[in-house]
C-alpha atoms as a PDB file:
ATOM      1  CA  UNK A   1     -69.299 129.118  -3.724  1.00  0.00           C
ATOM      2  CA  UNK A   2     -71.456 126.584  -2.735  1.00  0.00           C
ATOM      3  CA  UNK A   3     -68.869 124.784  -0.437  1.00  0.00           C
ATOM      4  CA  UNK A   4     -68.692 128.044   0.960  1.00  0.00           C
ATOM      5  CA  UNK A   5     -72.281 128.580   1.875  1.00  0.00           C
ATOM      6  CA  UNK A   6     -72.433 124.707   3.304  1.00  0.00           C
ATOM      7  CA  UNK A   7     -69.677 125.842   5.524  1.00  0.00           C
ATOM      8  CA  UNK A   8     -71.225 128.918   7.270  1.00  0.00           C
ATOM      9  CA  UNK A   9     -73.947 126.775   7.765  1.00  0.00           C
ATOM     10  CA  UNK A  10     -72.286 124.177   9.664  1.00  0.00           C
ATOM     11  CA  UNK A  11     -70.313 126.683  11.411  1.00  0.00           C
ATOM     12  CA  UNK A  12     -73.707 128.988  12.322  1.00  0.00           C
ATOM     13  CA  UNK A  13     -75.046 125.730  13.366  1.00  0.00           C
ATOM     14  CA  UNK A  14     -72.518 124.498  15.205  1.00  0.00           C
ATOM     15  CA  UNK A  15     -72.518 127.695  17.046  1.00  0.00           C
ATOM     16  CA  UNK A  16     -75.861 127.716  17.992  1.00  0.00           C
ATOM     17  CA  UNK A  17     -75.794 124.328  19.535  1.00  0.00           C
ATOM     18  CA  UNK A  18     -72.840 125.053  21.608  1.00  0.00           C
ATOM     19  CA  UNK A  19     -75.313 128.301  22.922  1.00  0.00           C
ATOM     20  CA  UNK A  20     -78.162 126.543  23.070  1.00  0.00           C
ATOM     21  CA  UNK A  21     -76.557 123.979  25.419  1.00  0.00           C
ATOM     22  CA  UNK A  22     -74.447 126.469  27.326  1.00  0.00           C
ATOM     23  CA  UNK A  23     -78.014 128.322  28.271  1.00  0.00           C
ATOM     24  CA  UNK A  24     -79.429 124.636  29.395  1.00  0.00           C
ATOM     25  CA  UNK A  25     -77.232 122.867  31.994  1.00  0.00           C
ATOM     26  CA  UNK A  26     -77.773 119.209  31.955  1.00  0.00           C
ATOM     27  CA  UNK A  27     -79.067 117.593  35.144  1.00  0.00           C
ATOM     28  CA  UNK A  28     -75.717 116.619  36.749  1.00  0.00           C
ATOM     29  CA  UNK A  29     -74.016 120.052  35.839  1.00  0.00           C
ATOM     30  CA  UNK A  30     -76.668 121.633  38.064  1.00  0.00           C
ATOM     31  CA  UNK A  31     -76.266 119.071  40.988  1.00  0.00           C
ATOM     32  CA  UNK A  32     -72.804 119.722  40.530  1.00  0.00           C
ATOM     33  CA  UNK A  33     -73.146 123.282  40.775  1.00  0.00           C
ATOM     34  CA  UNK A  34     -75.583 122.792  44.036  1.00  0.00           C
ATOM     35  CA  UNK A  35     -73.050 120.641  45.427  1.00  0.00           C
ATOM     36  CA  UNK A  36     -70.289 123.687  45.176  1.00  0.00           C
ATOM     37  CA  UNK A  37     -72.943 126.237  46.770  1.00  0.00           C
ATOM     38  CA  UNK A  38     -73.706 123.913  49.542  1.00  0.00           C
ATOM     39  CA  UNK A  39     -69.656 123.826  49.949  1.00  0.00           C
ATOM     40  CA  UNK A  40     -70.078 127.302  50.834  1.00  0.00           C
ATOM     41  CA  UNK A  41     -73.121 127.108  53.036  1.00  0.00           C
ATOM     42  CA  UNK A  42     -74.848 128.918  49.939  1.00  0.00           C
ATOM     43  CA  UNK A  43     -77.715 126.883  50.661  1.00  0.00           C
ATOM     44  CA  UNK A  44     -80.490 128.866  48.642  1.00  0.00           C
ATOM     45  CA  UNK A  45     -78.770 129.038  45.927  1.00  0.00           C
ATOM     46  CA  UNK A  46     -77.896 125.207  46.410  1.00  0.00           C
ATOM     47  CA  UNK A  47     -81.393 123.890  46.940  1.00  0.00           C
ATOM     48  CA  UNK A  48     -82.279 125.939  43.918  1.00  0.00           C
ATOM     49  CA  UNK A  49     -79.823 124.292  42.145  1.00  0.00           C
ATOM     50  CA  UNK A  50     -80.396 120.917  43.160  1.00  0.00           C
ATOM     51  CA  UNK A  51     -84.618 121.382  42.548  1.00  0.00           C
ATOM     52  CA  UNK A  52     -83.558 122.041  38.814  1.00  0.00           C
ATOM     53  CA  UNK A  53     -81.679 118.899  38.579  1.00  0.00           C
ATOM     54  CA  UNK A  54     -84.727 116.858  40.330  1.00  0.00           C
ATOM     55  CA  UNK A  55     -86.675 118.501  37.790  1.00  0.00           C
ATOM     56  CA  UNK A  56     -85.082 117.155  35.000  1.00  0.00           C
ATOM     57  CA  UNK A  57     -84.139 114.346  36.642  1.00  0.00           C
ATOM     58  CA  UNK A  58     -87.051 112.995  38.962  1.00  0.00           C
ATOM     59  CA  UNK A  59     -86.207 109.374  38.654  1.00  0.00           C
ATOM     60  CA  UNK A  60     -82.828 109.722  40.192  1.00  0.00           C
ATOM     61  CA  UNK A  61     -83.258 109.251  43.272  1.00  0.00           C
ATOM     62  CA  UNK A  62     -79.971 109.993  44.382  1.00  0.00           C
ATOM     63  CA  UNK A  63     -80.145 113.153  43.545  1.00  0.00           C
ATOM     64  CA  UNK A  64     -83.588 113.475  45.434  1.00  0.00           C
ATOM     65  CA  UNK A  65     -81.482 112.414  48.606  1.00  0.00           C
ATOM     66  CA  UNK A  66     -78.721 115.390  47.843  1.00  0.00           C
ATOM     67  CA  UNK A  67     -81.571 117.421  47.290  1.00  0.00           C
ATOM     68  CA  UNK A  68     -83.290 116.612  50.781  1.00  0.00           C
ATOM     69  CA  UNK A  69     -79.901 116.498  53.030  1.00  0.00           C
ATOM     70  CA  UNK A  70     -79.157 119.949  51.464  1.00  0.00           C
ATOM     71  CA  UNK A  71     -82.501 121.268  53.073  1.00  0.00           C
ATOM     72  CA  UNK A  72     -82.158 119.699  56.191  1.00  0.00           C
ATOM     73  CA  UNK A  73     -78.350 121.234  56.289  1.00  0.00           C
ATOM     74  CA  UNK A  74     -80.393 124.465  55.646  1.00  0.00           C
ATOM     75  CA  UNK A  75     -82.899 123.888  58.301  1.00  0.00           C
ATOM     76  CA  UNK A  76     -85.550 123.627  55.817  1.00  0.00           C
ATOM     77  CA  UNK A  77     -86.409 119.986  57.841  1.00  0.00           C
ATOM     78  CA  UNK A  78     -90.179 119.996  55.938  1.00  0.00           C
ATOM     79  CA  UNK A  79     -89.019 120.183  52.709  1.00  0.00           C
ATOM     80  CA  UNK A  80     -86.449 117.520  53.446  1.00  0.00           C
ATOM     81  CA  UNK A  81     -88.592 115.240  54.695  1.00  0.00           C
ATOM     82  CA  UNK A  82     -90.675 115.567  51.447  1.00  0.00           C
ATOM     83  CA  UNK A  83     -87.907 115.066  49.363  1.00  0.00           C
ATOM     84  CA  UNK A  84     -86.907 112.038  51.438  1.00  0.00           C
ATOM     85  CA  UNK A  85     -90.234 110.565  51.062  1.00  0.00           C
ATOM     86  CA  UNK A  86     -90.297 110.950  47.532  1.00  0.00           C
ATOM     87  CA  UNK A  87     -87.490 108.603  47.441  1.00  0.00           C
ATOM     88  CA  UNK A  88     -89.014 106.196  49.704  1.00  0.00           C
ATOM     89  CA  UNK A  89     -91.949 106.113  47.743  1.00  0.00           C
ATOM     90  CA  UNK A  90     -90.078 105.077  44.813  1.00  0.00           C
ATOM     91  CA  UNK A  91     -87.717 102.887  46.725  1.00  0.00           C
ATOM     92  CA  UNK A  92     -88.756 101.525  50.321  1.00  0.00           C
ATOM     93  CA  UNK A  93     -85.590 100.025  50.583  1.00  0.00           C
ATOM     94  CA  UNK A  94     -83.166 102.984  50.211  1.00  0.00           C
ATOM     95  CA  UNK A  95     -80.979 102.887  52.880  1.00  0.00           C
ATOM     96  CA  UNK A  96     -79.105 106.637  52.057  1.00  0.00           C
ATOM     97  CA  UNK A  97     -82.961 108.083  52.117  1.00  0.00           C
ATOM     98  CA  UNK A  98     -84.056 106.304  55.660  1.00  0.00           C
ATOM     99  CA  UNK A  99     -80.172 107.562  56.954  1.00  0.00           C
ATOM    100  CA  UNK A 100     -81.104 111.146  55.572  1.00  0.00           C
ATOM    101  CA  UNK A 101     -84.758 110.631  57.296  1.00  0.00           C
ATOM    102  CA  UNK A 102     -83.417 109.067  60.264  1.00  0.00           C
ATOM    103  CA  UNK A 103     -81.105 112.062  61.210  1.00  0.00           C
ATOM    104  CA  UNK A 104     -83.809 114.749  60.034  1.00  0.00           C
ATOM    105  CA  UNK A 105     -86.138 113.151  62.695  1.00  0.00           C
ATOM    106  CA  UNK A 106     -83.676 113.173  65.335  1.00  0.00           C
ATOM    107  CA  UNK A 107     -82.561 116.549  65.027  1.00  0.00           C
ATOM    108  CA  UNK A 108     -86.456 117.422  65.318  1.00  0.00           C
ATOM    109  CA  UNK A 109     -86.517 115.520  68.486  1.00  0.00           C
ATOM    110  CA  UNK A 110     -89.184 113.072  67.003  1.00  0.00           C
ATOM    111  CA  UNK A 111     -87.499 110.183  68.824  1.00  0.00           C
ATOM    112  CA  UNK A 112     -89.499 107.192  68.003  1.00  0.00           C
ATOM    113  CA  UNK A 113     -89.772 107.836  64.340  1.00  0.00           C
ATOM    114  CA  UNK A 114     -86.117 108.279  63.934  1.00  0.00           C
ATOM    115  CA  UNK A 115     -86.019 105.026  66.114  1.00  0.00           C
ATOM    116  CA  UNK A 116     -88.394 103.229  63.772  1.00  0.00           C
ATOM    117  CA  UNK A 117     -86.923 104.446  60.907  1.00  0.00           C
ATOM    118  CA  UNK A 118     -82.663 104.042  61.606  1.00  0.00           C
ATOM    119  CA  UNK A 119     -83.885 100.280  62.940  1.00  0.00           C
ATOM    120  CA  UNK A 120     -85.517  99.868  59.060  1.00  0.00           C
ATOM    121  CA  UNK A 121     -82.138 101.152  57.729  1.00  0.00           C
ATOM    122  CA  UNK A 122     -79.903  98.731  59.819  1.00  0.00           C
ATOM    123  CA  UNK A 123     -81.901  95.843  59.513  1.00  0.00           C
ATOM    124  CA  UNK A 124     -81.317  96.398  55.116  1.00  0.00           C
ATOM    125  CA  UNK A 125     -77.947  96.914  56.039  1.00  0.00           C
ATOM    126  CA  UNK A 126     -76.725  95.453  59.166  1.00  0.00           C
ATOM    127  CA  UNK A 127     -72.850  96.422  58.411  1.00  0.00           C
ATOM    128  CA  UNK A 128     -73.832 100.207  58.315  1.00  0.00           C
ATOM    129  CA  UNK A 129     -72.497 102.600  61.141  1.00  0.00           C
ATOM    130  CA  UNK A 130     -75.003 105.724  60.525  1.00  0.00           C
ATOM    131  CA  UNK A 131     -78.415 104.034  61.892  1.00  0.00           C
ATOM    132  CA  UNK A 132     -76.412 102.389  64.911  1.00  0.00           C
ATOM    133  CA  UNK A 133     -75.332 105.553  66.023  1.00  0.00           C
ATOM    134  CA  UNK A 134     -77.946 107.664  65.392  1.00  0.00           C
ATOM    135  CA  UNK A 135     -79.653 104.913  67.400  1.00  0.00           C
ATOM    136  CA  UNK A 136     -77.331 105.170  70.210  1.00  0.00           C
ATOM    137  CA  UNK A 137     -78.108 108.802  70.467  1.00  0.00           C
ATOM    138  CA  UNK A 138     -81.752 108.588  70.081  1.00  0.00           C
ATOM    139  CA  UNK A 139     -82.059 105.489  72.375  1.00  0.00           C
ATOM    140  CA  UNK A 140     -80.222 107.553  74.816  1.00  0.00           C
ATOM    141  CA  UNK A 141     -83.068 110.613  75.078  1.00  0.00           C
ATOM    142  CA  UNK A 142     -85.504 107.851  75.730  1.00  0.00           C
ATOM    143  CA  UNK A 143     -83.395 106.794  78.768  1.00  0.00           C
ATOM    144  CA  UNK A 144     -83.164 103.434  77.196  1.00  0.00           C
ATOM    145  CA  UNK A 145     -79.840 103.090  78.121  1.00  0.00           C
ATOM    146  CA  UNK A 146     -79.322  98.883  77.555  1.00  0.00           C
ATOM    147  CA  UNK A 147     -80.413  99.484  74.088  1.00  0.00           C
ATOM    148  CA  UNK A 148     -78.250 102.732  73.338  1.00  0.00           C
ATOM    149  CA  UNK A 149     -75.353 101.153  74.677  1.00  0.00           C
ATOM    150  CA  UNK A 150     -75.510  98.048  72.346  1.00  0.00           C
ATOM    151  CA  UNK A 151     -75.975 100.330  69.587  1.00  0.00           C
ATOM    152  CA  UNK A 152     -72.997 102.715  70.319  1.00  0.00           C
ATOM    153  CA  UNK A 153     -70.727  99.668  70.237  1.00  0.00           C
ATOM    154  CA  UNK A 154     -71.873  98.314  67.206  1.00  0.00           C
ATOM    155  CA  UNK A 155     -71.377 101.490  65.635  1.00  0.00           C
ATOM    156  CA  UNK A 156     -67.655 101.830  66.951  1.00  0.00           C
ATOM    157  CA  UNK A 157     -66.958  98.081  65.697  1.00  0.00           C
ATOM    158  CA  UNK A 158     -68.312  99.368  62.380  1.00  0.00           C
ATOM    159  CA  UNK A 159     -66.387 102.513  62.679  1.00  0.00           C
ATOM    160  CA  UNK A 160     -63.356 101.980  65.035  1.00  0.00           C
ATOM    161  CA  UNK A 161     -61.636 105.276  63.847  1.00  0.00           C
ATOM    162  CA  UNK A 162     -64.687 107.786  64.188  1.00  0.00           C
ATOM    163  CA  UNK A 163     -64.901 109.016  67.602  1.00  0.00           C
ATOM    164  CA  UNK A 164     -68.483 109.762  67.689  1.00  0.00           C
ATOM    165  CA  UNK A 165     -69.726 106.613  68.888  1.00  0.00           C
ATOM    166  CA  UNK A 166     -67.482 106.866  71.683  1.00  0.00           C
ATOM    167  CA  UNK A 167     -68.662 109.837  72.959  1.00  0.00           C
ATOM    168  CA  UNK A 168     -72.170 108.853  72.601  1.00  0.00           C
ATOM    169  CA  UNK A 169     -71.084 105.798  74.851  1.00  0.00           C
ATOM    170  CA  UNK A 170     -69.608 107.748  77.355  1.00  0.00           C
ATOM    171  CA  UNK A 171     -72.879 109.733  77.900  1.00  0.00           C
ATOM    172  CA  UNK A 172     -74.509 107.097  78.055  1.00  0.00           C
ATOM    173  CA  UNK A 173     -72.597 105.181  80.648  1.00  0.00           C
ATOM    174  CA  UNK A 174     -72.738 108.285  82.385  1.00  0.00           C
ATOM    175  CA  UNK A 175     -76.611 108.873  82.693  1.00  0.00           C
ATOM    176  CA  UNK A 176     -76.924 105.128  83.069  1.00  0.00           C
ATOM    177  CA  UNK A 177     -74.899 105.152  86.272  1.00  0.00           C
ATOM    178  CA  UNK A 178     -71.438 103.554  85.492  1.00  0.00           C
ATOM    179  CA  UNK A 179     -69.465 106.728  85.707  1.00  0.00           C
ATOM    180  CA  UNK A 180     -66.107 104.721  85.542  1.00  0.00           C
ATOM    181  CA  UNK A 181     -67.343 102.863  82.533  1.00  0.00           C
ATOM    182  CA  UNK A 182     -68.258 106.872  80.924  1.00  0.00           C
ATOM    183  CA  UNK A 183     -64.574 108.411  81.717  1.00  0.00           C
ATOM    184  CA  UNK A 184     -62.735 105.169  79.977  1.00  0.00           C
ATOM    185  CA  UNK A 185     -65.179 105.468  76.779  1.00  0.00           C
ATOM    186  CA  UNK A 186     -64.297 109.162  76.617  1.00  0.00           C
ATOM    187  CA  UNK A 187     -60.420 108.000  77.197  1.00  0.00           C
ATOM    188  CA  UNK A 188     -61.184 105.947  73.719  1.00  0.00           C
ATOM    189  CA  UNK A 189     -62.939 109.180  72.444  1.00  0.00           C
ATOM    190  CA  UNK A 190     -59.571 111.223  73.077  1.00  0.00           C
ATOM    191  CA  UNK A 191     -57.186 108.703  72.191  1.00  0.00           C
ATOM    192  CA  UNK A 192     -59.041 108.871  68.503  1.00  0.00           C
ATOM    193  CA  UNK A 193     -59.706 112.758  68.284  1.00  0.00           C
ATOM    194  CA  UNK A 194     -57.527 114.836  71.227  1.00  0.00           C
ATOM    195  CA  UNK A 195     -59.536 118.053  70.527  1.00  0.00           C
ATOM    196  CA  UNK A 196     -62.462 116.655  72.529  1.00  0.00           C
ATOM    197  CA  UNK A 197     -60.208 117.456  75.823  1.00  0.00           C
ATOM    198  CA  UNK A 198     -61.275 120.959  74.648  1.00  0.00           C
ATOM    199  CA  UNK A 199     -64.518 121.810  76.712  1.00  0.00           C
ATOM    200  CA  UNK A 200     -65.351 124.672  73.775  1.00  0.00           C
ATOM    201  CA  UNK A 201     -64.833 121.713  70.857  1.00  0.00           C
ATOM    202  CA  UNK A 202     -67.707 119.994  72.159  1.00  0.00           C
ATOM    203  CA  UNK A 203     -70.530 122.414  70.376  1.00  0.00           C
ATOM    204  CA  UNK A 204     -69.164 120.429  67.229  1.00  0.00           C
ATOM    205  CA  UNK A 205     -71.042 117.379  68.596  1.00  0.00           C
ATOM    206  CA  UNK A 206     -74.730 119.461  67.405  1.00  0.00           C
ATOM    207  CA  UNK A 207     -73.403 118.695  64.393  1.00  0.00           C
ATOM    208  CA  UNK A 208     -72.652 115.152  65.236  1.00  0.00           C
ATOM    209  CA  UNK A 209     -76.360 115.045  65.805  1.00  0.00           C
ATOM    210  CA  UNK A 210     -76.119 115.112  70.060  1.00  0.00           C
ATOM    211  CA  UNK A 211     -79.082 117.196  71.630  1.00  0.00           C
ATOM    212  CA  UNK A 212     -77.731 120.676  74.084  1.00  0.00           C
ATOM    213  CA  UNK A 213     -78.667 118.418  76.957  1.00  0.00           C
ATOM    214  CA  UNK A 214     -76.271 115.576  75.900  1.00  0.00           C
ATOM    215  CA  UNK A 215     -73.461 117.976  75.072  1.00  0.00           C
ATOM    216  CA  UNK A 216     -73.876 119.128  78.731  1.00  0.00           C
ATOM    217  CA  UNK A 217     -73.492 115.882  79.695  1.00  0.00           C
ATOM    218  CA  UNK A 218     -70.481 115.156  77.746  1.00  0.00           C
ATOM    219  CA  UNK A 219     -68.882 118.444  79.300  1.00  0.00           C
ATOM    220  CA  UNK A 220     -69.571 116.912  82.575  1.00  0.00           C
ATOM    221  CA  UNK A 221     -67.842 113.683  81.949  1.00  0.00           C
ATOM    222  CA  UNK A 222     -65.115 115.431  80.276  1.00  0.00           C
ATOM    223  CA  UNK A 223     -64.132 117.181  83.638  1.00  0.00           C
ATOM    224  CA  UNK A 224     -64.175 114.160  85.373  1.00  0.00           C
ATOM    225  CA  UNK A 225     -61.969 112.547  82.292  1.00  0.00           C
ATOM    226  CA  UNK A 226     -59.209 115.393  82.870  1.00  0.00           C
ATOM    227  CA  UNK A 227     -59.399 115.234  86.709  1.00  0.00           C
ATOM    228  CA  UNK A 228     -58.553 111.713  86.990  1.00  0.00           C
END
């Protein structure tokens, strides 16, 4: 009788613990849930889940970066910067946070801050393609075509299978006055991704950090390239 009572108490306690765990997801589970929502472009739900993860593990810097990037994807740039600043306050040499923050600045049009942030990231991690690519776009918009070309070439060398740096180099050369080099660079992009021969596909470049004006230049380079 006594053993049956003890067994019953153990089973009841186990059930209670299982219910408690199920009712209180871990930070990791919240992050997984947030990423799942983000994949579905359900950004409000993703951000809510990722904020829960940050509250449970405030010193998990990767979790804060994930939150900041998701806020950026949702168009919440001010919130994204705050999340990323929280990372850099704790670790000023966090290259992933600098990469993300630089992109936020670039998309917002704060080009000087984008250049400063990406330059710091590139100095910390010279073999990191991301800052060089974004530096090429930012310095192109600042009409610093020499610096933009150097950055684009470096990005292409670090990630040779990525067509984006070649499209960037094409518009840099085009606006820099070297139309032949522009079409040659665009041919390199086409060799890596034939979709860049479709004018409608160029709107995708917005997701790759290009401004509307830069996409228009890419359209001009495309026309010149296919008419050769």
